[in-house]
N, C-alpha and C. Protein backbone atom coordinates (compact mmCIF):
# COMPACT_ATOMS: atom_id res chain seq x y z
N MET A 1 46.46 61.82 -21.04
CA MET A 1 46.56 61.03 -19.84
C MET A 1 46.20 61.92 -18.65
N PRO A 2 45.24 61.47 -17.80
CA PRO A 2 44.82 62.31 -16.68
C PRO A 2 45.94 62.43 -15.65
N ARG A 3 45.97 63.58 -15.03
CA ARG A 3 46.98 63.84 -14.01
C ARG A 3 46.35 63.61 -12.64
N PHE A 4 46.99 62.80 -11.82
CA PHE A 4 46.49 62.54 -10.48
C PHE A 4 47.29 63.34 -9.47
N ASP A 5 46.57 64.04 -8.62
CA ASP A 5 47.24 64.77 -7.56
C ASP A 5 46.74 64.28 -6.21
N ARG A 6 47.29 64.79 -5.16
CA ARG A 6 46.96 64.34 -3.81
C ARG A 6 45.49 64.57 -3.48
N ARG A 7 44.94 65.69 -3.87
CA ARG A 7 43.54 65.99 -3.59
C ARG A 7 42.61 64.98 -4.25
N MET A 8 42.87 64.67 -5.52
CA MET A 8 42.03 63.70 -6.23
C MET A 8 42.16 62.32 -5.57
N LEU A 9 43.36 61.95 -5.17
CA LEU A 9 43.57 60.67 -4.52
C LEU A 9 42.78 60.59 -3.21
N LEU A 10 42.79 61.65 -2.43
CA LEU A 10 42.04 61.68 -1.18
C LEU A 10 40.53 61.59 -1.42
N VAL A 11 40.05 62.33 -2.39
CA VAL A 11 38.62 62.32 -2.70
C VAL A 11 38.19 60.93 -3.14
N ARG A 12 38.94 60.33 -4.06
CA ARG A 12 38.61 58.97 -4.54
C ARG A 12 38.73 57.96 -3.41
N GLY A 13 39.74 58.14 -2.57
CA GLY A 13 39.96 57.23 -1.45
C GLY A 13 38.84 57.26 -0.43
N LEU A 14 38.16 58.39 -0.30
CA LEU A 14 37.04 58.51 0.63
C LEU A 14 35.73 58.05 0.01
N GLN A 15 35.61 58.15 -1.30
CA GLN A 15 34.37 57.77 -1.96
C GLN A 15 34.13 56.27 -1.90
N LEU A 16 35.16 55.48 -2.05
CA LEU A 16 35.00 54.03 -2.08
C LEU A 16 34.44 53.47 -0.77
N PRO A 17 34.99 53.80 0.40
CA PRO A 17 34.42 53.25 1.64
C PRO A 17 32.97 53.70 1.87
N VAL A 18 32.66 54.93 1.52
CA VAL A 18 31.29 55.42 1.68
C VAL A 18 30.35 54.64 0.77
N ALA A 19 30.75 54.41 -0.45
CA ALA A 19 29.91 53.65 -1.39
C ALA A 19 29.71 52.21 -0.90
N LEU A 20 30.77 51.62 -0.37
CA LEU A 20 30.64 50.26 0.16
C LEU A 20 29.69 50.20 1.34
N LEU A 21 29.78 51.17 2.23
CA LEU A 21 28.88 51.21 3.39
C LEU A 21 27.43 51.40 2.97
N LEU A 22 27.19 52.29 2.02
CA LEU A 22 25.83 52.53 1.55
C LEU A 22 25.27 51.30 0.84
N GLY A 23 26.09 50.65 0.05
CA GLY A 23 25.65 49.44 -0.64
C GLY A 23 25.33 48.33 0.33
N ARG A 24 26.15 48.18 1.35
CA ARG A 24 25.93 47.15 2.37
C ARG A 24 24.65 47.44 3.16
N ALA A 25 24.40 48.72 3.46
CA ALA A 25 23.19 49.09 4.19
C ALA A 25 21.95 48.78 3.36
N ALA A 26 22.03 48.99 2.06
CA ALA A 26 20.87 48.72 1.19
C ALA A 26 20.57 47.23 1.15
N VAL A 27 21.61 46.40 1.12
CA VAL A 27 21.40 44.96 1.11
C VAL A 27 20.78 44.50 2.42
N GLY A 28 21.29 44.99 3.53
CA GLY A 28 20.80 44.58 4.84
C GLY A 28 19.44 45.14 5.17
N ALA A 29 18.95 46.10 4.40
CA ALA A 29 17.69 46.76 4.69
C ALA A 29 16.48 45.85 4.47
N CYS A 30 16.64 44.74 3.78
CA CYS A 30 15.52 43.85 3.50
C CYS A 30 15.03 43.14 4.76
N VAL A 31 15.94 42.80 5.65
CA VAL A 31 15.60 42.00 6.81
C VAL A 31 16.18 42.64 8.06
N ASN A 32 15.32 42.85 9.05
CA ASN A 32 15.78 43.33 10.34
C ASN A 32 15.61 42.18 11.33
N PRO A 33 16.73 41.57 11.76
CA PRO A 33 16.63 40.41 12.66
C PRO A 33 15.86 40.69 13.94
N ASP A 34 15.87 41.94 14.40
CA ASP A 34 15.15 42.29 15.63
C ASP A 34 13.64 42.22 15.45
N GLU A 35 13.17 42.32 14.21
CA GLU A 35 11.73 42.28 13.94
C GLU A 35 11.23 40.87 13.63
N GLN A 36 12.12 39.89 13.54
CA GLN A 36 11.75 38.52 13.22
C GLN A 36 11.36 37.77 14.50
N SER A 37 10.33 36.94 14.40
CA SER A 37 9.96 36.11 15.54
C SER A 37 11.03 35.03 15.74
N ASP A 38 11.01 34.41 16.90
CA ASP A 38 11.99 33.36 17.19
C ASP A 38 11.86 32.19 16.21
N SER A 39 10.62 31.84 15.84
CA SER A 39 10.43 30.71 14.93
C SER A 39 10.96 31.04 13.52
N VAL A 40 10.74 32.27 13.09
CA VAL A 40 11.24 32.68 11.77
C VAL A 40 12.77 32.71 11.79
N GLN A 41 13.34 33.26 12.85
CA GLN A 41 14.80 33.31 12.96
C GLN A 41 15.39 31.91 13.05
N SER A 42 14.70 31.01 13.74
CA SER A 42 15.15 29.62 13.83
C SER A 42 15.15 28.95 12.46
N MET A 43 14.12 29.23 11.67
CA MET A 43 14.03 28.68 10.31
C MET A 43 15.18 29.21 9.46
N ARG A 44 15.46 30.50 9.56
CA ARG A 44 16.56 31.10 8.80
C ARG A 44 17.89 30.47 9.20
N ASP A 45 18.07 30.25 10.49
CA ASP A 45 19.30 29.64 10.98
C ASP A 45 19.43 28.19 10.49
N SER A 46 18.34 27.43 10.53
CA SER A 46 18.40 26.03 10.11
C SER A 46 18.67 25.90 8.61
N LEU A 47 18.24 26.89 7.83
CA LEU A 47 18.49 26.88 6.39
C LEU A 47 19.80 27.58 6.03
N GLU A 48 20.53 28.01 7.06
CA GLU A 48 21.84 28.66 6.90
C GLU A 48 21.77 29.87 5.97
N TYR A 49 20.73 30.68 6.13
CA TYR A 49 20.55 31.86 5.29
C TYR A 49 21.64 32.89 5.56
N LYS A 50 22.18 33.45 4.48
CA LYS A 50 23.16 34.53 4.53
C LYS A 50 22.69 35.63 3.59
N ASP A 51 22.94 36.90 3.95
CA ASP A 51 22.53 38.03 3.11
C ASP A 51 23.30 38.11 1.80
N THR A 52 24.48 37.51 1.77
CA THR A 52 25.30 37.53 0.55
C THR A 52 25.68 36.10 0.20
N ALA A 53 25.33 35.68 -1.00
CA ALA A 53 25.63 34.32 -1.46
C ALA A 53 27.12 34.16 -1.72
N PRO A 54 27.70 33.03 -1.30
CA PRO A 54 29.11 32.80 -1.59
C PRO A 54 29.37 32.65 -3.09
N ASP A 55 28.37 32.18 -3.83
CA ASP A 55 28.44 32.06 -5.28
C ASP A 55 27.29 32.87 -5.86
N ALA A 56 27.61 33.93 -6.58
CA ALA A 56 26.57 34.83 -7.12
C ALA A 56 25.58 34.11 -8.03
N LYS A 57 25.98 33.00 -8.60
CA LYS A 57 25.09 32.22 -9.47
C LYS A 57 23.98 31.54 -8.67
N GLN A 58 24.17 31.44 -7.34
CA GLN A 58 23.17 30.80 -6.49
C GLN A 58 22.56 31.81 -5.51
N ALA A 59 22.38 33.04 -5.95
CA ALA A 59 21.73 34.06 -5.13
C ALA A 59 20.22 33.85 -5.15
N CYS A 60 19.56 34.37 -4.15
CA CYS A 60 18.10 34.23 -4.03
C CYS A 60 17.37 34.68 -5.30
N SER A 61 17.88 35.70 -5.96
CA SER A 61 17.19 36.22 -7.15
C SER A 61 17.05 35.16 -8.24
N GLY A 62 17.89 34.13 -8.24
CA GLY A 62 17.81 33.06 -9.23
C GLY A 62 17.13 31.80 -8.71
N CYS A 63 16.54 31.88 -7.52
CA CYS A 63 15.90 30.73 -6.89
C CYS A 63 14.42 30.65 -7.27
N ALA A 64 13.93 29.43 -7.39
CA ALA A 64 12.52 29.20 -7.73
C ALA A 64 11.57 29.67 -6.64
N PHE A 65 12.04 29.76 -5.41
CA PHE A 65 11.19 30.15 -4.28
C PHE A 65 11.18 31.65 -4.00
N PHE A 66 11.94 32.42 -4.78
CA PHE A 66 12.08 33.87 -4.55
C PHE A 66 11.09 34.65 -5.39
N LYS A 67 10.40 35.58 -4.75
CA LYS A 67 9.48 36.50 -5.43
C LYS A 67 9.93 37.92 -5.14
N ALA A 68 10.41 38.63 -6.16
CA ALA A 68 10.95 39.98 -5.98
C ALA A 68 9.85 40.97 -5.63
N GLU A 69 10.20 41.96 -4.82
CA GLU A 69 9.28 43.05 -4.48
C GLU A 69 9.56 44.21 -5.42
N LYS A 70 8.55 44.66 -6.12
CA LYS A 70 8.72 45.75 -7.07
C LYS A 70 9.08 47.06 -6.39
N LYS A 71 8.52 47.30 -5.20
CA LYS A 71 8.78 48.57 -4.52
C LYS A 71 10.22 48.72 -4.07
N ALA A 72 10.93 47.61 -3.89
CA ALA A 72 12.34 47.65 -3.49
C ALA A 72 13.26 47.60 -4.70
N GLY A 73 12.69 47.64 -5.89
CA GLY A 73 13.49 47.61 -7.10
C GLY A 73 14.13 46.26 -7.36
N GLY A 74 13.58 45.22 -6.76
CA GLY A 74 14.10 43.88 -6.95
C GLY A 74 15.24 43.51 -6.02
N ALA A 75 15.68 44.43 -5.15
CA ALA A 75 16.79 44.15 -4.22
C ALA A 75 16.32 43.28 -3.06
N CYS A 76 15.03 43.32 -2.78
CA CYS A 76 14.45 42.53 -1.70
C CYS A 76 13.32 41.68 -2.28
N GLY A 77 12.96 40.66 -1.54
CA GLY A 77 11.87 39.82 -1.99
C GLY A 77 11.36 38.93 -0.87
N HIS A 78 10.51 38.01 -1.24
CA HIS A 78 9.88 37.10 -0.28
C HIS A 78 10.27 35.68 -0.65
N CYS A 79 10.67 34.91 0.35
CA CYS A 79 11.02 33.50 0.14
C CYS A 79 9.85 32.63 0.57
N GLU A 80 9.40 31.75 -0.32
CA GLU A 80 8.30 30.86 -0.01
C GLU A 80 8.69 29.79 1.01
N VAL A 81 9.96 29.40 1.06
CA VAL A 81 10.41 28.39 2.01
C VAL A 81 10.51 28.98 3.41
N MET A 82 11.16 30.13 3.51
CA MET A 82 11.34 30.76 4.83
C MET A 82 10.13 31.58 5.25
N ARG A 83 9.22 31.80 4.31
CA ARG A 83 8.00 32.58 4.56
C ARG A 83 8.32 33.94 5.17
N GLY A 84 9.27 34.62 4.51
CA GLY A 84 9.64 35.94 5.00
C GLY A 84 10.51 36.68 4.02
N PRO A 85 10.89 37.90 4.39
CA PRO A 85 11.70 38.73 3.51
C PRO A 85 13.15 38.24 3.43
N VAL A 86 13.73 38.37 2.24
CA VAL A 86 15.12 38.02 2.01
C VAL A 86 15.73 39.02 1.03
N SER A 87 17.03 39.06 1.02
CA SER A 87 17.77 39.89 0.07
C SER A 87 17.92 39.13 -1.24
N ALA A 88 17.85 39.83 -2.36
CA ALA A 88 18.02 39.20 -3.67
C ALA A 88 19.42 38.62 -3.82
N THR A 89 20.37 39.13 -3.05
CA THR A 89 21.75 38.63 -3.12
C THR A 89 22.03 37.54 -2.09
N GLY A 90 21.01 37.16 -1.31
CA GLY A 90 21.16 36.17 -0.26
C GLY A 90 21.26 34.74 -0.78
N HIS A 91 21.38 33.80 0.16
CA HIS A 91 21.48 32.39 -0.20
C HIS A 91 21.14 31.53 1.01
N CYS A 92 20.53 30.37 0.76
CA CYS A 92 20.30 29.37 1.81
C CYS A 92 20.48 27.98 1.20
N VAL A 93 20.47 26.97 2.05
CA VAL A 93 20.70 25.60 1.57
C VAL A 93 19.52 25.03 0.77
N SER A 94 18.38 25.69 0.78
CA SER A 94 17.23 25.23 -0.01
C SER A 94 17.18 25.84 -1.39
N TRP A 95 18.25 26.53 -1.79
CA TRP A 95 18.27 27.18 -3.09
C TRP A 95 18.00 26.18 -4.21
N THR A 96 17.06 26.51 -5.08
CA THR A 96 16.69 25.67 -6.22
C THR A 96 16.64 26.54 -7.47
N LYS A 97 17.35 26.12 -8.50
CA LYS A 97 17.43 26.91 -9.72
C LYS A 97 16.05 27.15 -10.32
N ARG A 98 15.82 28.40 -10.70
CA ARG A 98 14.56 28.78 -11.35
C ARG A 98 14.53 28.20 -12.75
N SER A 99 13.40 27.63 -13.12
CA SER A 99 13.32 27.03 -14.47
C SER A 99 12.75 27.99 -15.48
């Protein structure tokens, strides 16, 4: 049975928040709202696009309109409906199951 001491607890306690921040930054790296035109941002707003799907089964990666980008390792892609970049973990109201 491993022995836990204060030092190990502190190290583990610091690793988790850093990992969460790095993971969140990687997800958000697909889309920079400052680089989007007003019309593109308006389309995203009207489709209620979110970077993280409330139900993982309905994430962009499983949508018929999503095309993954190989250079991003599949974490980012292009949406045919929004005509722009999206996160593979994102979601919008136009989500349609891939056949």
